[in-house]
Amino acid sequence: MMKENTHRRYKNIVFDLGQVLLPIDFDAPVRAFTSLGLKDFDTLYHESVQADLFNLLETGKITEERFRDELRRISGMPWTDTKIDEAWNTIILEFRPATIEMLKSLSKVYRLFLLSNTNSIHYRCYNQQIKQKFCPDGISAFFEHMFLSHQMGARKPEPEIFLSMQKQTGMVPAQTLFIDDNAKNIKTAQSLGYHTLHLRDGMKVEEKRFCADL
């Protein structure tokens, strides 16, 4: 149960996942698929301008099977599902133990939520990492609720995903801190009345100086 503290500035904290809680390497899938023979993967996928195929997967509008079949069609390569998933999951690095300890500590005081642009293939990968290294119940154990783009049919920075989160949780933006590494997502959150923390390159969310006003 959340401890009451009338002096707290926030009641809720909403975390992004990639590059906030989970280190990622945007270039790793490019290298991985290139090594498998798809020479122009970097033109299909980029961290700031994703091709429709990846957006559709991330909003749950196509299945994993369709995603893999399209990659095989585009590449002309007879890759197995396992090979595709392994290459696609190279973007995911290792959770820092200090980040997990931070979540455990904050969850005793605040309502914690996850709001992430993600997909079902990546979800299984990082959730399994959590289960193996930190918590048998998986990543959901650290949050009151997780709002994942592939389940919600919308993605940041669309206001709809924020509004849906508010409706489901009853959170008040003025009482909520939103933490993200993407400036567009931060801008949307600010327009809706959230307090924000833009986590820029080199910043680690668990470092006290970045959470000093909690």
Protein backbone atom coordinates (compact mmCIF):
# COMPACT_ATOMS: atom_id res chain seq x y z
CA MET A 1 0.00 0.00 0.00
CA MET A 2 1.24 3.47 -0.87
CA LYS A 3 2.41 5.52 2.12
CA GLU A 4 0.70 8.88 2.53
CA ASN A 5 2.85 11.98 2.60
CA THR A 6 1.07 15.30 2.22
CA HIS A 7 4.38 17.06 1.50
CA ARG A 8 5.10 15.09 -1.64
CA ARG A 9 5.10 17.07 -4.87
CA TYR A 10 3.81 14.11 -6.91
CA LYS A 11 1.46 11.22 -6.29
CA ASN A 12 2.22 9.37 -9.52
CA ILE A 13 5.32 8.69 -11.60
CA VAL A 14 5.00 7.50 -15.20
CA PHE A 15 8.13 5.96 -16.70
CA ASP A 16 9.07 5.40 -20.30
CA LEU A 17 10.96 2.14 -20.79
CA GLY A 18 13.64 2.33 -23.50
CA GLN A 19 16.60 4.54 -22.60
CA VAL A 20 14.93 5.43 -19.28
CA LEU A 21 14.62 2.14 -17.40
CA LEU A 22 16.07 -0.18 -20.03
CA PRO A 23 19.26 0.66 -21.98
CA ILE A 24 18.84 0.04 -25.70
CA ASP A 25 21.06 0.09 -28.76
CA PHE A 26 19.18 1.43 -31.79
CA ASP A 27 21.97 0.40 -34.16
CA ALA A 28 22.18 -3.21 -33.01
CA PRO A 29 19.27 -4.51 -35.16
CA VAL A 30 20.81 -2.81 -38.19
CA ARG A 31 24.05 -4.70 -37.60
CA ALA A 32 22.23 -7.94 -36.85
CA PHE A 33 20.00 -7.91 -39.94
CA THR A 34 22.87 -6.76 -42.12
CA SER A 35 24.85 -9.77 -40.95
CA LEU A 36 21.89 -11.93 -41.96
CA GLY A 37 21.96 -10.51 -45.46
CA LEU A 38 19.51 -7.57 -45.39
CA LYS A 39 21.84 -4.79 -46.54
CA ASP A 40 19.37 -1.90 -46.41
CA PHE A 41 17.75 -2.56 -43.03
CA ASP A 42 18.87 0.87 -41.85
CA THR A 43 16.63 2.45 -44.50
CA LEU A 44 13.66 0.50 -43.17
CA TYR A 45 14.15 1.29 -39.53
CA HIS A 46 15.53 4.30 -37.72
CA GLU A 47 15.06 5.38 -34.14
CA SER A 48 13.35 8.65 -35.15
CA VAL A 49 11.64 7.70 -38.42
CA GLN A 50 10.26 4.17 -38.38
CA ALA A 51 8.84 2.47 -41.42
CA ASP A 52 5.14 1.59 -41.39
CA LEU A 53 5.93 -2.07 -40.77
CA PHE A 54 7.50 -1.31 -37.40
CA ASN A 55 4.82 1.21 -36.42
CA LEU A 56 2.13 -1.34 -37.22
CA LEU A 57 3.83 -3.93 -35.01
CA GLU A 58 4.28 -1.38 -32.24
CA THR A 59 0.59 -0.49 -32.25
CA GLY A 60 -0.57 -4.08 -32.48
CA LYS A 61 -2.14 -3.58 -35.89
CA ILE A 62 -0.24 -6.51 -37.39
CA THR A 63 0.67 -9.82 -35.81
CA GLU A 64 4.16 -11.04 -35.09
CA GLU A 65 3.66 -13.60 -37.85
CA ARG A 66 2.81 -10.90 -40.39
CA PHE A 67 5.81 -8.87 -39.26
CA ARG A 68 8.19 -11.79 -39.77
CA ASP A 69 6.63 -12.72 -43.10
CA GLU A 70 7.06 -9.15 -44.35
CA LEU A 71 10.72 -9.12 -43.33
CA ARG A 72 11.24 -12.38 -45.19
CA ARG A 73 9.47 -10.96 -48.24
CA ILE A 74 11.45 -7.69 -48.18
CA SER A 75 14.77 -9.45 -47.69
CA GLY A 76 14.14 -12.43 -49.91
CA MET A 77 15.76 -14.49 -47.15
CA PRO A 78 14.27 -17.70 -45.69
CA TRP A 79 14.96 -16.70 -42.09
CA THR A 80 13.38 -18.71 -39.30
CA ASP A 81 11.16 -16.98 -36.77
CA THR A 82 13.88 -17.51 -34.18
CA LYS A 83 16.54 -15.82 -36.32
CA ILE A 84 14.29 -12.80 -36.89
CA ASP A 85 13.40 -12.47 -33.21
CA GLU A 86 17.03 -12.80 -32.14
CA ALA A 87 18.14 -10.07 -34.54
CA TRP A 88 15.20 -7.83 -33.63
CA ASN A 89 15.86 -8.25 -29.90
CA THR A 90 19.50 -7.15 -30.13
CA ILE A 91 18.21 -3.63 -29.47
CA ILE A 92 17.58 -4.67 -25.87
CA LEU A 93 20.51 -4.38 -23.48
CA GLU A 94 20.71 -5.18 -19.76
CA PHE A 95 18.64 -3.60 -16.99
CA ARG A 96 20.86 -1.92 -14.42
CA PRO A 97 20.39 -3.36 -10.91
CA ALA A 98 20.32 0.19 -9.53
CA THR A 99 17.32 0.97 -11.73
CA ILE A 100 15.41 -2.01 -10.36
CA GLU A 101 16.27 -1.05 -6.79
CA MET A 102 15.02 2.48 -7.49
CA LEU A 103 11.66 1.12 -8.69
CA LYS A 104 11.32 -1.06 -5.60
CA SER A 105 12.00 1.93 -3.38
CA LEU A 106 9.72 4.38 -5.21
CA SER A 107 6.85 1.89 -5.34
CA LYS A 108 6.59 2.09 -1.56
CA VAL A 109 5.72 5.78 -1.78
CA TYR A 110 4.29 6.54 -5.23
CA ARG A 111 1.89 5.06 -7.71
CA LEU A 112 4.20 3.87 -10.49
CA PHE A 113 3.16 3.35 -14.11
CA LEU A 114 4.90 2.34 -17.32
CA LEU A 115 3.99 4.01 -20.63
CA SER A 116 6.01 2.52 -23.45
CA ASN A 117 6.12 2.30 -27.22
CA THR A 118 6.97 -1.36 -27.55
CA ASN A 119 5.94 -4.58 -29.25
CA SER A 120 5.13 -8.14 -28.23
CA ILE A 121 8.44 -9.60 -29.42
CA HIS A 122 10.50 -7.13 -27.42
CA TYR A 123 8.17 -7.44 -24.44
CA ARG A 124 8.82 -11.15 -24.10
CA CYS A 125 12.55 -10.53 -24.27
CA TYR A 126 12.88 -7.87 -21.58
CA ASN A 127 10.21 -9.46 -19.39
CA GLN A 128 12.16 -12.71 -19.44
CA GLN A 129 15.30 -10.82 -18.48
CA ILE A 130 13.49 -9.39 -15.44
CA LYS A 131 12.18 -12.83 -14.47
CA GLN A 132 15.61 -14.42 -14.69
CA LYS A 133 17.61 -11.70 -12.96
CA PHE A 134 15.35 -9.68 -10.68
CA CYS A 135 11.80 -10.85 -10.08
CA PRO A 136 9.98 -14.09 -10.99
CA ASP A 137 6.75 -12.15 -11.54
CA GLY A 138 8.28 -10.10 -14.35
CA ILE A 139 8.28 -6.40 -15.05
CA SER A 140 4.65 -5.86 -14.12
CA ALA A 141 5.57 -6.45 -10.47
CA PHE A 142 7.09 -2.96 -10.28
CA PHE A 143 4.07 -1.02 -11.57
CA GLU A 144 0.47 -0.50 -10.64
CA HIS A 145 -0.32 -0.75 -14.34
CA MET A 146 1.61 -0.91 -17.62
CA PHE A 147 0.41 0.92 -20.72
CA LEU A 148 2.05 -0.68 -23.75
CA SER A 149 1.52 0.62 -27.25
CA HIS A 150 1.03 -2.78 -28.87
CA GLN A 151 -1.79 -3.52 -26.44
CA MET A 152 -3.42 -0.10 -26.61
CA GLY A 153 -3.38 0.45 -30.37
CA ALA A 154 -1.73 3.85 -29.97
CA ARG A 155 1.74 5.15 -29.32
CA LYS A 156 3.47 8.23 -27.96
CA PRO A 157 3.51 11.09 -28.76
CA GLU A 158 -0.20 10.71 -29.64
CA PRO A 159 -2.29 12.38 -26.90
CA GLU A 160 -4.78 9.49 -27.05
CA ILE A 161 -2.50 7.09 -25.23
CA PHE A 162 -2.00 9.58 -22.40
CA LEU A 163 -5.73 10.27 -22.15
CA SER A 164 -6.51 6.57 -22.06
CA MET A 165 -4.00 6.12 -19.25
CA GLN A 166 -5.61 8.96 -17.30
CA LYS A 167 -9.10 7.50 -17.77
CA GLN A 168 -8.07 4.04 -16.61
CA THR A 169 -6.12 5.15 -13.55
CA GLY A 170 -7.82 8.36 -12.47
CA MET A 171 -4.42 10.04 -12.29
CA VAL A 172 -4.33 13.83 -12.29
CA PRO A 173 -1.60 15.18 -14.62
CA ALA A 174 -0.79 18.03 -12.23
CA GLN A 175 0.05 15.41 -9.60
CA THR A 176 2.09 13.26 -11.97
CA LEU A 177 5.72 13.21 -13.09
CA PHE A 178 6.30 11.83 -16.60
CA ILE A 179 9.85 10.68 -17.42
CA ASP A 180 10.90 10.07 -21.03
CA ASP A 181 13.95 10.43 -23.27
CA ASN A 182 12.02 11.64 -26.33
CA ALA A 183 11.41 15.38 -26.68
CA LYS A 184 8.18 14.89 -28.67
CA ASN A 185 6.73 12.70 -25.93
CA ILE A 186 7.73 15.25 -23.32
CA LYS A 187 6.04 18.01 -25.31
CA THR A 188 2.76 16.11 -25.50
CA ALA A 189 2.84 15.35 -21.79
CA GLN A 190 3.47 19.00 -20.97
CA SER A 191 0.57 20.08 -23.19
CA LEU A 192 -1.69 17.81 -21.12
CA GLY A 193 -0.52 19.27 -17.82
CA TYR A 194 2.04 16.72 -16.66
CA HIS A 195 5.23 17.58 -14.84
CA THR A 196 8.08 16.18 -16.91
CA LEU A 197 11.66 15.05 -16.71
CA HIS A 198 13.43 14.86 -20.08
CA LEU A 199 16.13 12.25 -19.63
CA ARG A 200 18.86 13.20 -22.05
CA ASP A 201 21.90 11.25 -23.21
CA GLY A 202 24.19 10.31 -20.38
CA MET A 203 21.56 10.75 -17.66
CA LYS A 204 20.57 7.79 -15.51
CA VAL A 205 17.15 7.92 -13.96
CA GLU A 206 18.28 6.30 -10.72
CA GLU A 207 20.89 8.97 -10.00
CA LYS A 208 19.67 11.11 -7.14
CA ARG A 209 20.40 14.42 -8.78
CA PHE A 210 17.82 13.67 -11.47
CA CYS A 211 15.14 12.74 -8.94
CA ALA A 212 15.93 15.37 -6.34
CA ASP A 213 12.46 16.94 -6.49
CA LEU A 214 10.60 13.70 -5.81
